[in-house]
Amino acid sequence: MKKIALLVMAACAMCSCNWIAEKSELYQNTLSQRDSLQTLFNDKDAEAKDLLSIINDVEENIAKIKDAQGVLTTESSENMSEDVRARVNNEMAYIQELIQQNNEKIEELEKKLSNTQGQLGGLRATINRLKASNEEQAAQIAALQADLEQKNIQIKSLDSTVVALKDTASLLLAQKTDAETVVSNQDKELHTAYYYYGNNKQLKADNILIKSNEYNKSKFTQIDIREVSTINFDSKSAILLSRHPLGSYKINIDSNKKASLVITNADEFWSMSKYLIVRIK
């Protein structure tokens, strides 16, 4: 009996060891599976957070683009001064940089999404929406830029026209000045006359040749016939040797017996000669 009991106890001990071994292996497998699932969960969680972070960046850029586009549209509708034009160019460069960043981030999202499955794969609709929004804004900015370039062309054309008009105005002003100078000189010449008076001795000494009409202007006094109507002589008599119409002048003798020539009709008096020669005693 004792031998039988010992055999039974030994068999039970062996079965118990086998059960414990089996349980230990199962436990280890369970732990391993749990760790694998935890790792997979962590990877998926990190992947989801990464995708959501990129999506948030794209949405923030889209919001910035809309704000900048509003400023750009307002400023570009004003008169395009140099300062406004510089601000518009800077704003345009900023928007284009944001659009480029979005293109790169959306491309990155599409690559990451191609390697995901399940719920993360449902982000495709969100990415498509962001892509469409970014493309729409890019098209709007391209249209606005084309409009600004057209305005810039028109402004340059106007600038060229203004420069041409200024050049024309300067030329016309110069021509007007030249014309006024010519007219002024002609007017001055038209109303310029010369007179000389002296006795016979002085006439000969100064070589005043009446018959040849050759006069030495340095011996004559220049006058403006519009301003001078009376010429006084330091003599008791005065005889006109040059030809002037009768009735256009008279000789007066004052109380001191000093003679003077009074021109009563200047245009008629100077019509025959602009040189007046008077012989005195």
Protein backbone atom coordinates (compact mmCIF):
# COMPACT_ATOMS: atom_id res chain seq x y z
CA MET A 1 0.00 0.00 0.00
CA LYS A 2 2.77 2.37 0.85
CA LYS A 3 4.31 1.79 -2.56
CA ILE A 4 1.00 2.52 -4.25
CA ALA A 5 0.58 5.73 -2.23
CA LEU A 6 4.04 6.85 -3.16
CA LEU A 7 3.36 6.21 -6.84
CA VAL A 8 0.13 8.19 -6.69
CA MET A 9 1.80 11.08 -4.93
CA ALA A 10 4.60 11.07 -7.49
CA ALA A 11 2.12 11.12 -10.37
CA CYS A 12 0.23 14.01 -8.81
CA ALA A 13 3.46 15.92 -8.34
CA MET A 14 4.39 15.46 -11.97
CA CYS A 15 0.95 16.63 -13.14
CA SER A 16 1.17 19.65 -10.88
CA CYS A 17 4.56 20.62 -12.34
CA ASN A 18 3.29 20.27 -15.89
CA TRP A 19 0.25 22.47 -15.09
CA ILE A 20 2.40 25.17 -13.52
CA ALA A 21 4.72 25.13 -16.53
CA GLU A 22 1.80 25.41 -18.88
CA LYS A 23 0.31 28.27 -16.85
CA SER A 24 3.62 30.11 -16.76
CA GLU A 25 4.00 29.95 -20.56
CA LEU A 26 0.46 31.18 -21.08
CA TYR A 27 1.08 33.99 -18.71
CA GLN A 28 4.20 34.98 -20.56
CA ASN A 29 2.36 34.88 -23.87
CA THR A 30 -0.37 37.03 -22.44
CA LEU A 31 2.12 39.55 -21.17
CA SER A 32 3.85 39.59 -24.51
CA GLN A 33 0.58 40.17 -26.35
CA ARG A 34 -0.35 42.89 -23.93
CA ASP A 35 2.98 44.62 -24.48
CA SER A 36 2.58 44.31 -28.24
CA LEU A 37 -0.89 45.80 -28.08
CA GLN A 38 0.32 48.60 -25.86
CA THR A 39 3.16 49.35 -28.28
CA LEU A 40 0.74 49.30 -31.21
CA PHE A 41 -1.63 51.57 -29.31
CA ASN A 42 1.19 53.96 -28.47
CA ASP A 43 2.32 54.01 -32.11
CA LYS A 44 -1.21 54.65 -33.34
CA ASP A 45 -1.72 57.34 -30.70
CA ALA A 46 1.54 59.07 -31.67
CA GLU A 47 0.64 58.76 -35.34
CA ALA A 48 -2.80 60.27 -34.73
CA LYS A 49 -1.33 63.13 -32.70
CA ASP A 50 1.23 63.78 -35.44
CA LEU A 51 -1.48 63.90 -38.12
CA LEU A 52 -3.70 66.15 -36.01
CA SER A 53 -0.76 68.48 -35.31
CA ILE A 54 -0.08 68.86 -39.04
CA ILE A 55 -3.80 69.41 -39.72
CA ASN A 56 -3.89 72.14 -37.06
CA ASP A 57 -0.85 73.80 -38.65
CA VAL A 58 -2.54 73.81 -42.06
CA GLU A 59 -5.78 75.24 -40.63
CA GLU A 60 -3.86 77.96 -38.79
CA ASN A 61 -2.05 78.87 -42.02
CA ILE A 62 -5.39 79.02 -43.87
CA ALA A 63 -6.72 81.42 -41.22
CA LYS A 64 -3.58 83.58 -41.55
CA ILE A 65 -3.96 83.60 -45.33
CA LYS A 66 -7.57 84.81 -45.05
CA ASP A 67 -6.57 87.61 -42.68
CA ALA A 68 -3.64 88.66 -44.86
CA GLN A 69 -5.81 88.47 -47.98
CA GLY A 70 -8.33 90.83 -46.38
CA VAL A 71 -5.58 93.37 -45.65
CA LEU A 72 -4.17 92.90 -49.14
CA THR A 73 -7.53 93.47 -50.82
CA THR A 74 -8.16 96.64 -48.78
CA GLU A 75 -4.75 98.18 -49.40
CA SER A 76 -4.64 97.30 -53.09
CA SER A 77 -7.93 99.15 -53.61
CA GLU A 78 -6.34 102.39 -52.37
CA ASN A 79 -4.12 104.71 -54.35
CA MET A 80 -0.95 102.72 -54.97
CA SER A 81 1.67 104.96 -53.44
CA GLU A 82 5.22 103.68 -53.03
CA ASP A 83 4.59 102.79 -49.35
CA VAL A 84 1.33 100.97 -50.11
CA ARG A 85 2.94 99.12 -53.02
CA ALA A 86 5.80 97.96 -50.76
CA ARG A 87 3.35 96.72 -48.10
CA VAL A 88 1.30 94.89 -50.73
CA ASN A 89 4.39 93.17 -52.12
CA ASN A 90 5.47 92.09 -48.62
CA GLU A 91 1.97 90.80 -47.83
CA MET A 92 1.86 88.92 -51.12
CA ALA A 93 5.20 87.24 -50.41
CA TYR A 94 4.00 86.29 -46.92
CA ILE A 95 0.79 84.70 -48.30
CA GLN A 96 2.67 82.77 -50.97
CA GLU A 97 5.04 81.44 -48.32
CA LEU A 98 2.06 80.24 -46.22
CA ILE A 99 0.49 78.56 -49.27
CA GLN A 100 3.79 76.81 -50.01
CA GLN A 101 4.01 75.62 -46.40
CA ASN A 102 0.47 74.24 -46.66
CA ASN A 103 1.31 72.40 -49.88
CA GLU A 104 4.27 70.75 -48.18
CA LYS A 105 2.25 69.85 -45.06
CA ILE A 106 -0.66 68.44 -47.09
CA GLU A 107 1.79 66.37 -49.13
CA GLU A 108 3.25 65.07 -45.86
CA LEU A 109 -0.26 64.25 -44.58
CA GLU A 110 -1.08 62.31 -47.73
CA LYS A 111 2.10 60.24 -47.40
CA LYS A 112 1.42 59.46 -43.75
CA LEU A 113 -2.24 58.70 -44.44
CA SER A 114 -1.34 56.18 -47.14
CA ASN A 115 0.28 54.05 -44.42
CA THR A 116 -2.65 54.19 -41.97
CA GLN A 117 -5.76 52.06 -41.69
CA GLY A 118 -9.01 52.05 -39.77
CA GLN A 119 -10.16 55.24 -38.10
CA LEU A 120 -7.12 57.26 -39.14
CA GLY A 121 -7.97 56.46 -42.72
CA GLY A 122 -11.15 58.50 -42.18
CA LEU A 123 -9.03 61.65 -42.11
CA ARG A 124 -8.89 61.51 -45.91
CA ALA A 125 -12.00 63.72 -46.15
CA THR A 126 -10.42 66.32 -43.83
CA ILE A 127 -7.20 66.35 -45.83
CA ASN A 128 -9.14 66.69 -49.11
CA ARG A 129 -11.04 69.62 -47.63
CA LEU A 130 -7.80 71.35 -46.55
CA LYS A 131 -6.24 70.69 -49.95
CA ALA A 132 -9.23 72.17 -51.78
CA SER A 133 -9.25 75.22 -49.49
CA ASN A 134 -5.53 75.80 -50.02
CA GLU A 135 -5.88 75.48 -53.81
CA GLU A 136 -8.82 77.88 -53.80
CA GLN A 137 -6.84 80.49 -51.86
CA ALA A 138 -3.85 79.99 -54.14
CA ALA A 139 -6.11 80.66 -57.14
CA GLN A 140 -7.56 83.79 -55.48
CA ILE A 141 -4.09 85.11 -54.68
CA ALA A 142 -2.95 84.40 -58.26
CA ALA A 143 -5.93 86.37 -59.59
CA LEU A 144 -5.26 89.22 -57.16
CA GLN A 145 -1.60 89.26 -58.11
CA ALA A 146 -2.52 89.42 -61.80
CA ASP A 147 -4.85 92.33 -61.03
CA LEU A 148 -2.10 94.11 -59.09
CA GLU A 149 0.38 93.55 -61.91
CA GLN A 150 -2.15 95.01 -64.35
CA LYS A 151 -2.56 98.01 -62.05
CA ASN A 152 1.20 98.30 -61.86
CA ILE A 153 1.40 98.27 -65.67
CA GLN A 154 -1.29 100.97 -65.81
CA ILE A 155 0.56 103.01 -63.17
CA LYS A 156 3.81 102.70 -65.12
CA SER A 157 1.95 103.69 -68.27
CA LEU A 158 0.48 106.70 -66.46
CA ASP A 159 3.92 107.55 -65.10
CA SER A 160 5.30 107.45 -68.64
CA THR A 161 2.42 109.61 -69.83
CA VAL A 162 3.01 112.08 -67.00
CA VAL A 163 6.72 112.21 -67.81
CA ALA A 164 5.90 112.74 -71.49
CA LEU A 165 3.40 115.46 -70.59
CA LYS A 166 5.96 117.11 -68.31
CA ASP A 167 8.51 117.00 -71.11
CA THR A 168 5.95 118.44 -73.51
CA ALA A 169 4.99 121.10 -70.98
CA SER A 170 8.66 121.96 -70.44
CA LEU A 171 9.19 122.17 -74.19
CA LEU A 172 6.08 124.32 -74.63
CA LEU A 173 7.17 126.53 -71.74
CA ALA A 174 10.61 126.91 -73.30
CA GLN A 175 9.02 127.68 -76.69
CA LYS A 176 6.65 130.14 -75.02
CA THR A 177 9.56 131.80 -73.23
CA ASP A 178 11.52 132.01 -76.46
CA ALA A 179 8.48 133.39 -78.28
CA GLU A 180 7.87 135.93 -75.53
CA THR A 181 11.52 136.94 -75.69
CA VAL A 182 11.31 137.33 -79.46
CA VAL A 183 8.07 139.27 -79.19
CA SER A 184 9.51 141.41 -76.40
CA ASN A 185 12.63 142.12 -78.44
CA GLN A 186 10.58 142.86 -81.54
CA ASP A 187 8.25 145.05 -79.52
CA LYS A 188 11.20 146.85 -77.99
CA GLU A 189 12.83 147.27 -81.39
CA LEU A 190 9.54 148.42 -82.89
CA HIS A 191 9.22 151.15 -80.28
CA THR A 192 12.88 152.13 -80.14
CA ALA A 193 14.06 155.39 -81.70
CA TYR A 194 17.19 157.53 -81.57
CA TYR A 195 17.74 161.26 -81.48
CA TYR A 196 20.71 163.56 -81.89
CA TYR A 197 21.03 167.32 -81.70
CA GLY A 198 23.97 169.65 -82.20
CA ASN A 199 25.17 172.69 -84.11
CA ASN A 200 26.80 172.55 -87.53
CA LYS A 201 30.26 172.10 -86.05
CA GLN A 202 29.13 169.19 -83.89
CA LEU A 203 27.30 167.57 -86.81
CA LYS A 204 30.45 167.58 -88.90
CA ALA A 205 32.65 166.45 -86.03
CA ASP A 206 30.34 163.52 -85.26
CA ASN A 207 30.08 162.68 -88.97
CA ILE A 208 26.32 162.73 -89.06
CA LEU A 209 25.62 162.05 -92.74
CA ILE A 210 21.96 162.69 -93.32
CA LYS A 211 21.84 162.00 -97.04
CA SER A 212 23.36 158.48 -96.82
CA ASN A 213 21.26 157.51 -93.76
CA GLU A 214 24.41 156.09 -92.21
CA TYR A 215 24.46 156.97 -88.53
CA ASN A 216 26.86 156.22 -85.72
CA LYS A 217 24.48 154.98 -82.99
CA SER A 218 27.02 155.73 -80.29
CA LYS A 219 26.38 159.44 -80.90
CA PHE A 220 22.60 159.09 -80.55
CA THR A 221 20.41 158.80 -77.49
CA GLN A 222 18.10 155.76 -77.47
CA ILE A 223 14.50 156.24 -76.35
CA ASP A 224 11.21 154.32 -76.14
CA ILE A 225 8.78 156.27 -78.31
CA ARG A 226 5.90 155.22 -76.04
CA GLU A 227 7.52 156.96 -73.09
CA VAL A 228 9.20 160.01 -74.61
CA SER A 229 7.06 162.71 -76.21
CA THR A 230 9.11 165.81 -75.39
CA ILE A 231 12.80 166.49 -76.06
CA ASN A 232 14.37 169.60 -74.63
CA PHE A 233 17.28 171.42 -76.31
CA ASP A 234 19.73 173.78 -74.70
CA SER A 235 19.20 176.27 -77.51
CA LYS A 236 16.89 179.06 -78.57
CA SER A 237 16.14 177.36 -81.88
CA ALA A 238 15.78 173.84 -83.26
CA ILE A 239 15.49 172.71 -86.84
CA LEU A 240 14.65 169.12 -87.80
CA LEU A 241 17.08 167.79 -90.39
CA SER A 242 15.57 164.27 -90.52
CA ARG A 243 12.24 163.64 -92.27
CA HIS A 244 9.11 163.56 -90.13
CA PRO A 245 5.53 164.27 -91.16
CA LEU A 246 4.29 167.79 -90.56
CA GLY A 247 1.47 167.98 -88.09
CA SER A 248 2.91 165.17 -85.95
CA TYR A 249 5.07 167.54 -83.89
CA LYS A 250 5.68 171.13 -82.92
CA ILE A 251 8.57 173.25 -81.67
CA ASN A 252 7.95 175.16 -78.47
CA ILE A 253 9.98 178.05 -77.07
CA ASP A 254 9.63 178.53 -73.33
CA SER A 255 9.97 181.73 -71.31
CA ASN A 256 13.70 181.17 -71.00
CA LYS A 257 13.97 181.04 -74.78
CA LYS A 258 14.78 177.36 -74.71
CA ALA A 259 13.47 175.26 -77.54
CA SER A 260 11.84 171.84 -77.16
CA LEU A 261 10.34 169.31 -79.51
CA VAL A 262 6.83 168.13 -78.63
CA ILE A 263 5.68 164.98 -80.47
CA THR A 264 1.91 165.07 -80.82
CA ASN A 265 1.47 161.83 -82.78
CA ALA A 266 4.24 159.33 -82.02
CA ASP A 267 3.25 156.64 -84.56
CA GLU A 268 3.04 159.13 -87.38
CA PHE A 269 6.12 161.10 -86.30
CA TRP A 270 8.39 158.04 -86.30
CA SER A 271 6.81 156.39 -89.35
CA MET A 272 9.33 157.79 -91.82
CA SER A 273 12.50 157.40 -89.75
CA LYS A 274 13.48 156.17 -86.33
CA TYR A 275 16.37 158.59 -86.28
CA LEU A 276 15.72 162.19 -85.24
CA ILE A 277 18.41 164.74 -86.11
CA VAL A 278 18.04 168.31 -84.88
CA ARG A 279 20.29 171.23 -85.61
CA ILE A 280 20.49 173.84 -82.90
CA LYS A 281 22.20 177.21 -82.54
